[in-house]
């Protein structure tokens, strides 16, 4: 059992106090090999939504803090109009493009 953070129970039934029952029915298990491979893995019990079971969120590694100097790749449609773009694209897909390292 990998443990968890969040709500204690993963299942609930009944709307009134007289009939309300809550249990931890859902768990996440892994073997020693997986635990060594993903040492920072964590399990979170998310809030109950539409089901009587809470969703389990498994995160294998911590969130990466993004480098503010690095921007995500964005494709510019204008590149399609540039002479030689299709050949550049084709050669990069074929792995025959020369790059400086």
Protein backbone atom coordinates (compact mmCIF):
# COMPACT_ATOMS: atom_id res chain seq x y z
CA UNK A 1 0.00 0.00 0.00
CA UNK A 2 1.50 3.33 -1.08
CA UNK A 3 -0.33 5.43 1.49
CA UNK A 4 -2.18 8.61 0.52
CA UNK A 5 -2.92 12.25 1.14
CA UNK A 6 -6.39 13.74 1.21
CA UNK A 7 -9.72 12.45 2.46
CA UNK A 8 -9.42 9.41 4.74
CA UNK A 9 -12.15 7.33 3.06
CA UNK A 10 -12.52 6.37 -0.61
CA UNK A 11 -16.13 5.15 -0.51
CA UNK A 12 -19.27 6.41 1.18
CA UNK A 13 -22.95 5.50 1.30
CA UNK A 14 -25.98 7.12 2.92
CA UNK A 15 -27.00 10.72 3.18
CA UNK A 16 -28.17 10.94 6.78
CA UNK A 17 -26.06 10.39 9.87
CA UNK A 18 -28.15 7.37 10.81
CA UNK A 19 -27.35 5.55 7.52
CA UNK A 20 -23.95 7.09 6.68
CA UNK A 21 -21.09 4.61 6.18
CA UNK A 22 -17.59 5.47 4.92
CA UNK A 23 -14.68 3.08 4.31
CA UNK A 24 -11.27 3.06 2.66
CA UNK A 25 -12.01 0.45 -0.01
CA UNK A 26 -9.75 1.71 -2.80
CA UNK A 27 -5.97 1.53 -2.49
CA UNK A 28 -2.88 1.73 -4.69
CA UNK A 29 -0.35 -1.07 -4.44
CA UNK A 30 3.05 -1.48 -6.07
CA UNK A 31 5.94 -3.90 -5.79
CA UNK A 32 9.44 -3.09 -4.54
CA UNK A 33 10.79 -2.70 -8.08
CA UNK A 34 8.21 -0.01 -8.91
CA UNK A 35 8.82 1.74 -5.58
CA UNK A 36 12.55 1.94 -6.38
CA UNK A 37 11.89 3.18 -9.90
CA UNK A 38 9.41 5.87 -8.79
CA UNK A 39 10.66 6.81 -5.33
CA UNK A 40 8.80 10.13 -5.33
CA UNK A 41 5.46 8.61 -6.36
CA UNK A 42 2.44 9.74 -4.37
CA UNK A 43 -1.27 8.96 -4.15
CA UNK A 44 -3.95 11.56 -3.48
CA UNK A 45 -7.61 10.96 -2.68
CA UNK A 46 -9.46 13.62 -4.65
CA UNK A 47 -12.82 15.06 -3.55
CA UNK A 48 -16.00 13.04 -4.08
CA UNK A 49 -17.83 14.21 -7.20
CA UNK A 50 -20.54 12.19 -8.94
CA UNK A 51 -19.63 8.73 -7.65
CA UNK A 52 -19.75 7.14 -4.22
CA UNK A 53 -16.01 6.46 -4.71
CA UNK A 54 -13.38 9.18 -4.60
CA UNK A 55 -10.93 9.33 -7.54
CA UNK A 56 -7.37 8.26 -6.77
CA UNK A 57 -4.69 10.44 -8.37
CA UNK A 58 -1.32 8.73 -8.81
CA UNK A 59 1.63 11.02 -9.50
CA UNK A 60 4.83 9.15 -10.38
CA UNK A 61 7.18 12.11 -10.06
CA UNK A 62 6.88 15.57 -8.53
CA UNK A 63 5.66 18.41 -10.70
CA UNK A 64 8.52 19.89 -12.66
CA UNK A 65 9.01 23.56 -12.05
CA UNK A 66 9.18 25.16 -15.43
CA UNK A 67 12.11 27.32 -16.37
CA UNK A 68 10.66 30.81 -16.93
CA UNK A 69 13.29 31.43 -19.63
CA UNK A 70 12.08 28.44 -21.63
CA UNK A 71 8.89 28.81 -23.63
CA UNK A 72 6.81 25.94 -25.03
CA UNK A 73 7.11 25.16 -28.73
CA UNK A 74 4.52 26.93 -30.87
CA UNK A 75 4.01 26.23 -34.56
CA UNK A 76 3.69 29.29 -36.77
CA UNK A 77 1.46 28.85 -39.84
CA UNK A 78 3.62 31.39 -41.69
CA UNK A 79 6.41 28.80 -41.77
CA UNK A 80 4.37 26.87 -44.35
CA UNK A 81 4.82 29.78 -46.75
CA UNK A 82 8.60 29.91 -46.36
CA UNK A 83 10.55 28.56 -49.32
CA UNK A 84 12.28 25.32 -48.38
CA UNK A 85 10.13 24.59 -45.32
CA UNK A 86 8.73 21.33 -46.67
CA UNK A 87 12.21 20.07 -47.54
CA UNK A 88 13.50 21.04 -44.10
CA UNK A 89 10.60 19.22 -42.46
CA UNK A 90 11.05 16.14 -44.65
CA UNK A 91 14.79 15.92 -43.94
CA UNK A 92 14.26 16.34 -40.19
CA UNK A 93 11.72 13.49 -40.19
CA UNK A 94 14.16 11.30 -42.12
CA UNK A 95 16.91 12.07 -39.61
CA UNK A 96 19.23 13.39 -42.32
CA UNK A 97 19.34 16.94 -41.00
CA UNK A 98 22.75 18.28 -39.95
CA UNK A 99 22.76 20.09 -36.62
CA UNK A 100 25.50 21.89 -34.73
CA UNK A 101 26.12 20.57 -31.23
